[in-house]
Amino acid sequence: AVEPGEYLDLKWWQDLYATVTPKEKAAIKATGTIIEGIAGGFFSTARVIGFHKVIDEYPGIEI
């Protein structure tokens, strides 16, 4: 569970999925898109880079 005020940074997501096996990663299938406000700003870019650092480890997920 996520506690109120908890910061969901890259480390939080990496820790959450640290125990997922390669077999489990391969079994996940999904498609999606990223919807942003003003693209290209520092925080927007950092958020997208962090998102991809995690999601790109799952070959069955297409963004």
PDB file of N, CA and C in Angstrom:
ATOM      1  N   ALA A   1       0.840  -1.187   0.000  1.00  0.00           N
ATOM      2  CA  ALA A   1       0.000   0.000   0.000  1.00  0.00           C
ATOM      3  C   ALA A   1       0.884   1.249   0.000  1.00  0.00           C
ATOM      4  N   VAL A   2       0.382   2.271  -0.607  1.00  0.00           N
ATOM      5  CA  VAL A   2       1.089   3.546  -0.659  1.00  0.00           C
ATOM      6  C   VAL A   2       0.558   4.432   0.467  1.00  0.00           C
ATOM      7  N   GLU A   3       1.460   4.937   1.260  1.00  0.00           N
ATOM      8  CA  GLU A   3       1.091   5.817   2.368  1.00  0.00           C
ATOM      9  C   GLU A   3       0.847   7.233   1.848  1.00  0.00           C
ATOM     10  N   PRO A   4      -0.091   7.975   2.446  1.00  0.00           N
ATOM     11  CA  PRO A   4      -0.296   9.372   2.039  1.00  0.00           C
ATOM     12  C   PRO A   4       1.019  10.151   2.130  1.00  0.00           C
ATOM     13  N   GLY A   5       1.311  10.905   1.093  1.00  0.00           N
ATOM     14  CA  GLY A   5       2.522  11.712   1.066  1.00  0.00           C
ATOM     15  C   GLY A   5       3.769  10.955   0.635  1.00  0.00           C
ATOM     16  N   GLU A   6       3.642   9.654   0.372  1.00  0.00           N
ATOM     17  CA  GLU A   6       4.807   8.867  -0.043  1.00  0.00           C
ATOM     18  C   GLU A   6       5.218   9.269  -1.453  1.00  0.00           C
ATOM     19  N   TYR A   7       6.514   9.436  -1.667  1.00  0.00           N
ATOM     20  CA  TYR A   7       7.051   9.881  -2.946  1.00  0.00           C
ATOM     21  C   TYR A   7       7.287   8.674  -3.842  1.00  0.00           C
ATOM     22  N   LEU A   8       6.591   8.612  -4.975  1.00  0.00           N
ATOM     23  CA  LEU A   8       6.706   7.480  -5.892  1.00  0.00           C
ATOM     24  C   LEU A   8       7.792   7.765  -6.928  1.00  0.00           C
ATOM     25  N   ASP A   9       9.031   7.790  -6.464  1.00  0.00           N
ATOM     26  CA  ASP A   9      10.159   8.066  -7.341  1.00  0.00           C
ATOM     27  C   ASP A   9      10.634   6.780  -8.015  1.00  0.00           C
ATOM     28  N   LEU A  10      11.663   6.900  -8.814  1.00  0.00           N
ATOM     29  CA  LEU A  10      12.191   5.750  -9.547  1.00  0.00           C
ATOM     30  C   LEU A  10      12.590   4.624  -8.605  1.00  0.00           C
ATOM     31  N   LYS A  11      13.239   4.943  -7.511  1.00  0.00           N
ATOM     32  CA  LYS A  11      13.655   3.915  -6.556  1.00  0.00           C
ATOM     33  C   LYS A  11      12.450   3.154  -6.007  1.00  0.00           C
ATOM     34  N   TRP A  12      11.368   3.845  -5.716  1.00  0.00           N
ATOM     35  CA  TRP A  12      10.162   3.194  -5.196  1.00  0.00           C
ATOM     36  C   TRP A  12       9.656   2.148  -6.184  1.00  0.00           C
ATOM     37  N   TRP A  13       9.591   2.518  -7.466  1.00  0.00           N
ATOM     38  CA  TRP A  13       9.112   1.588  -8.492  1.00  0.00           C
ATOM     39  C   TRP A  13      10.097   0.442  -8.700  1.00  0.00           C
ATOM     40  N   GLN A  14      11.386   0.739  -8.704  1.00  0.00           N
ATOM     41  CA  GLN A  14      12.383  -0.323  -8.858  1.00  0.00           C
ATOM     42  C   GLN A  14      12.301  -1.312  -7.703  1.00  0.00           C
ATOM     43  N   ASP A  15      12.136  -0.817  -6.498  1.00  0.00           N
ATOM     44  CA  ASP A  15      12.010  -1.704  -5.338  1.00  0.00           C
ATOM     45  C   ASP A  15      10.742  -2.548  -5.425  1.00  0.00           C
ATOM     46  N   LEU A  16       9.652  -1.963  -5.868  1.00  0.00           N
ATOM     47  CA  LEU A  16       8.385  -2.677  -5.977  1.00  0.00           C
ATOM     48  C   LEU A  16       8.495  -3.873  -6.920  1.00  0.00           C
ATOM     49  N   TYR A  17       9.183  -3.695  -8.036  1.00  0.00           N
ATOM     50  CA  TYR A  17       9.265  -4.742  -9.047  1.00  0.00           C
ATOM     51  C   TYR A  17      10.585  -5.510  -9.029  1.00  0.00           C
ATOM     52  N   ALA A  18      11.386  -5.331  -8.007  1.00  0.00           N
ATOM     53  CA  ALA A  18      12.706  -5.969  -7.935  1.00  0.00           C
ATOM     54  C   ALA A  18      12.634  -7.494  -7.922  1.00  0.00           C
ATOM     55  N   THR A  19      11.559  -8.061  -7.410  1.00  0.00           N
ATOM     56  CA  THR A  19      11.474  -9.519  -7.290  1.00  0.00           C
ATOM     57  C   THR A  19      10.741 -10.183  -8.448  1.00  0.00           C
ATOM     58  N   VAL A  20      10.330  -9.410  -9.445  1.00  0.00           N
ATOM     59  CA  VAL A  20       9.643  -9.984 -10.599  1.00  0.00           C
ATOM     60  C   VAL A  20      10.660 -10.744 -11.445  1.00  0.00           C
ATOM     61  N   THR A  21      10.350 -11.995 -11.753  1.00  0.00           N
ATOM     62  CA  THR A  21      11.271 -12.838 -12.517  1.00  0.00           C
ATOM     63  C   THR A  21      11.180 -12.522 -14.009  1.00  0.00           C
ATOM     64  N   PRO A  22      12.205 -12.880 -14.791  1.00  0.00           N
ATOM     65  CA  PRO A  22      12.129 -12.686 -16.241  1.00  0.00           C
ATOM     66  C   PRO A  22      10.913 -13.393 -16.857  1.00  0.00           C
ATOM     67  N   LYS A  23      10.562 -14.548 -16.340  1.00  0.00           N
ATOM     68  CA  LYS A  23       9.392 -15.280 -16.851  1.00  0.00           C
ATOM     69  C   LYS A  23       8.110 -14.484 -16.593  1.00  0.00           C
ATOM     70  N   GLU A  24       7.996 -13.902 -15.402  1.00  0.00           N
ATOM     71  CA  GLU A  24       6.824 -13.080 -15.083  1.00  0.00           C
ATOM     72  C   GLU A  24       6.788 -11.821 -15.944  1.00  0.00           C
ATOM     73  N   LYS A  25       7.948 -11.206 -16.168  1.00  0.00           N
ATOM     74  CA  LYS A  25       8.012 -10.013 -17.015  1.00  0.00           C
ATOM     75  C   LYS A  25       7.548 -10.330 -18.428  1.00  0.00           C
ATOM     76  N   ALA A  26       7.972 -11.477 -18.963  1.00  0.00           N
ATOM     77  CA  ALA A  26       7.615 -11.865 -20.326  1.00  0.00           C
ATOM     78  C   ALA A  26       6.123 -12.154 -20.461  1.00  0.00           C
ATOM     79  N   ALA A  27       5.476 -12.545 -19.371  1.00  0.00           N
ATOM     80  CA  ALA A  27       4.056 -12.894 -19.411  1.00  0.00           C
ATOM     81  C   ALA A  27       3.141 -11.669 -19.406  1.00  0.00           C
ATOM     82  N   ILE A  28       3.673 -10.509 -19.055  1.00  0.00           N
ATOM     83  CA  ILE A  28       2.854  -9.294 -18.980  1.00  0.00           C
ATOM     84  C   ILE A  28       2.690  -8.717 -20.380  1.00  0.00           C
ATOM     85  N   LYS A  29       1.445  -8.495 -20.778  1.00  0.00           N
ATOM     86  CA  LYS A  29       1.137  -7.926 -22.094  1.00  0.00           C
ATOM     87  C   LYS A  29       0.247  -6.708 -21.894  1.00  0.00           C
ATOM     88  N   ALA A  30       0.618  -5.591 -22.505  1.00  0.00           N
ATOM     89  CA  ALA A  30      -0.177  -4.369 -22.382  1.00  0.00           C
ATOM     90  C   ALA A  30       0.224  -3.372 -23.456  1.00  0.00           C
ATOM     91  N   THR A  31      -0.676  -2.476 -23.774  1.00  0.00           N
ATOM     92  CA  THR A  31      -0.368  -1.332 -24.633  1.00  0.00           C
ATOM     93  C   THR A  31      -0.861  -0.081 -23.913  1.00  0.00           C
ATOM     94  N   GLY A  32      -0.211   1.033 -24.189  1.00  0.00           N
ATOM     95  CA  GLY A  32      -0.615   2.275 -23.544  1.00  0.00           C
ATOM     96  C   GLY A  32       0.042   3.465 -24.207  1.00  0.00           C
ATOM     97  N   THR A  33      -0.200   4.609 -23.642  1.00  0.00           N
ATOM     98  CA  THR A  33       0.363   5.844 -24.160  1.00  0.00           C
ATOM     99  C   THR A  33       0.712   6.766 -22.994  1.00  0.00           C
ATOM    100  N   ILE A  34       1.549   7.729 -23.251  1.00  0.00           N
ATOM    101  CA  ILE A  34       1.904   8.733 -22.250  1.00  0.00           C
ATOM    102  C   ILE A  34       1.217  10.030 -22.650  1.00  0.00           C
ATOM    103  N   ILE A  35       0.417  10.565 -21.740  1.00  0.00           N
ATOM    104  CA  ILE A  35      -0.246  11.848 -21.975  1.00  0.00           C
ATOM    105  C   ILE A  35       0.388  12.860 -21.029  1.00  0.00           C
ATOM    106  N   GLU A  36       0.902  13.940 -21.598  1.00  0.00           N
ATOM    107  CA  GLU A  36       1.580  14.960 -20.796  1.00  0.00           C
ATOM    108  C   GLU A  36       0.944  16.321 -21.032  1.00  0.00           C
ATOM    109  N   GLY A  37       1.310  17.237 -20.195  1.00  0.00           N
ATOM    110  CA  GLY A  37       0.966  18.636 -20.426  1.00  0.00           C
ATOM    111  C   GLY A  37       1.984  19.191 -21.417  1.00  0.00           C
ATOM    112  N   ILE A  38       2.825  20.091 -20.959  1.00  0.00           N
ATOM    113  CA  ILE A  38       3.858  20.675 -21.816  1.00  0.00           C
ATOM    114  C   ILE A  38       5.056  19.736 -21.828  1.00  0.00           C
ATOM    115  N   ALA A  39       5.306  19.129 -22.975  1.00  0.00           N
ATOM    116  CA  ALA A  39       6.417  18.182 -23.098  1.00  0.00           C
ATOM    117  C   ALA A  39       7.741  18.927 -23.224  1.00  0.00           C
ATOM    118  N   GLY A  40       8.798  18.293 -22.744  1.00  0.00           N
ATOM    119  CA  GLY A  40      10.134  18.830 -22.938  1.00  0.00           C
ATOM    120  C   GLY A  40      10.702  19.605 -21.772  1.00  0.00           C
ATOM    121  N   GLY A  41       9.893  19.914 -20.778  1.00  0.00           N
ATOM    122  CA  GLY A  41      10.406  20.578 -19.588  1.00  0.00           C
ATOM    123  C   GLY A  41      11.235  19.606 -18.763  1.00  0.00           C
ATOM    124  N   PHE A  42      12.017  20.131 -17.840  1.00  0.00           N
ATOM    125  CA  PHE A  42      12.907  19.285 -17.040  1.00  0.00           C
ATOM    126  C   PHE A  42      12.157  18.164 -16.337  1.00  0.00           C
ATOM    127  N   PHE A  43      11.089  18.503 -15.611  1.00  0.00           N
ATOM    128  CA  PHE A  43      10.377  17.488 -14.835  1.00  0.00           C
ATOM    129  C   PHE A  43       9.649  16.503 -15.736  1.00  0.00           C
ATOM    130  N   SER A  44       9.105  16.995 -16.834  1.00  0.00           N
ATOM    131  CA  SER A  44       8.440  16.119 -17.795  1.00  0.00           C
ATOM    132  C   SER A  44       9.430  15.111 -18.366  1.00  0.00           C
ATOM    133  N   THR A  45      10.582  15.593 -18.772  1.00  0.00           N
ATOM    134  CA  THR A  45      11.610  14.723 -19.337  1.00  0.00           C
ATOM    135  C   THR A  45      12.103  13.716 -18.304  1.00  0.00           C
ATOM    136  N   ALA A  46      12.351  14.156 -17.088  1.00  0.00           N
ATOM    137  CA  ALA A  46      12.816  13.255 -16.026  1.00  0.00           C
ATOM    138  C   ALA A  46      11.778  12.181 -15.723  1.00  0.00           C
ATOM    139  N   ARG A  47      10.509  12.568 -15.703  1.00  0.00           N
ATOM    140  CA  ARG A  47       9.428  11.623 -15.430  1.00  0.00           C
ATOM    141  C   ARG A  47       9.354  10.548 -16.520  1.00  0.00           C
ATOM    142  N   VAL A  48       9.439  10.963 -17.783  1.00  0.00           N
ATOM    143  CA  VAL A  48       9.365  10.016 -18.899  1.00  0.00           C
ATOM    144  C   VAL A  48      10.584   9.097 -18.908  1.00  0.00           C
ATOM    145  N   ILE A  49      11.762   9.636 -18.650  1.00  0.00           N
ATOM    146  CA  ILE A  49      12.977   8.810 -18.592  1.00  0.00           C
ATOM    147  C   ILE A  49      12.859   7.785 -17.471  1.00  0.00           C
ATOM    148  N   GLY A  50      12.413   8.205 -16.304  1.00  0.00           N
ATOM    149  CA  GLY A  50      12.233   7.287 -15.186  1.00  0.00           C
ATOM    150  C   GLY A  50      11.211   6.217 -15.490  1.00  0.00           C
ATOM    151  N   PHE A  51      10.118   6.601 -16.118  1.00  0.00           N
ATOM    152  CA  PHE A  51       9.078   5.652 -16.514  1.00  0.00           C
ATOM    153  C   PHE A  51       9.656   4.589 -17.436  1.00  0.00           C
ATOM    154  N   HIS A  52      10.406   5.019 -18.443  1.00  0.00           N
ATOM    155  CA  HIS A  52      10.975   4.073 -19.404  1.00  0.00           C
ATOM    156  C   HIS A  52      12.060   3.186 -18.792  1.00  0.00           C
ATOM    157  N   LYS A  53      12.794   3.684 -17.801  1.00  0.00           N
ATOM    158  CA  LYS A  53      13.806   2.848 -17.144  1.00  0.00           C
ATOM    159  C   LYS A  53      13.170   1.615 -16.530  1.00  0.00           C
ATOM    160  N   VAL A  54      11.940   1.746 -16.068  1.00  0.00           N
ATOM    161  CA  VAL A  54      11.236   0.611 -15.475  1.00  0.00           C
ATOM    162  C   VAL A  54      10.480  -0.172 -16.539  1.00  0.00           C
ATOM    163  N   ILE A  55       9.663   0.487 -17.317  1.00  0.00           N
ATOM    164  CA  ILE A  55       8.742  -0.184 -18.231  1.00  0.00           C
ATOM    165  C   ILE A  55       9.462  -0.879 -19.384  1.00  0.00           C
ATOM    166  N   ASP A  56      10.623  -0.380 -19.779  1.00  0.00           N
ATOM    167  CA  ASP A  56      11.353  -0.992 -20.891  1.00  0.00           C
ATOM    168  C   ASP A  56      11.901  -2.375 -20.546  1.00  0.00           C
ATOM    169  N   GLU A  57      11.873  -2.743 -19.277  1.00  0.00           N
ATOM    170  CA  GLU A  57      12.304  -4.083 -18.871  1.00  0.00           C
ATOM    171  C   GLU A  57      11.226  -5.131 -19.131  1.00  0.00           C
ATOM    172  N   TYR A  58      10.063  -4.706 -19.597  1.00  0.00           N
ATOM    173  CA  TYR A  58       8.933  -5.598 -19.839  1.00  0.00           C
ATOM    174  C   TYR A  58       8.656  -5.643 -21.340  1.00  0.00           C
ATOM    175  N   PRO A  59       9.153  -6.667 -22.037  1.00  0.00           N
ATOM    176  CA  PRO A  59       9.057  -6.711 -23.493  1.00  0.00           C
ATOM    177  C   PRO A  59       7.629  -6.768 -24.032  1.00  0.00           C
ATOM    178  N   GLY A  60       6.674  -7.198 -23.223  1.00  0.00           N
ATOM    179  CA  GLY A  60       5.294  -7.307 -23.681  1.00  0.00           C
ATOM    180  C   GLY A  60       4.485  -6.035 -23.523  1.00  0.00           C
ATOM    181  N   ILE A  61       5.126  -4.951 -23.054  1.00  0.00           N
ATOM    182  CA  ILE A  61       4.421  -3.684 -22.877  1.00  0.00           C
ATOM    183  C   ILE A  61       4.843  -2.729 -23.983  1.00  0.00           C
ATOM    184  N   GLU A  62       3.857  -2.244 -24.727  1.00  0.00           N
ATOM    185  CA  GLU A  62       4.116  -1.322 -25.836  1.00  0.00           C
ATOM    186  C   GLU A  62       3.557   0.049 -25.485  1.00  0.00           C
ATOM    187  N   ILE A  63       4.418   1.055 -25.516  1.00  0.00           N
ATOM    188  CA  ILE A  63       4.001   2.434 -25.241  1.00  0.00           C
ATOM    189  C   ILE A  63       4.090   3.223 -26.523  1.00  0.00           C
TER     190      ILE A  63
END
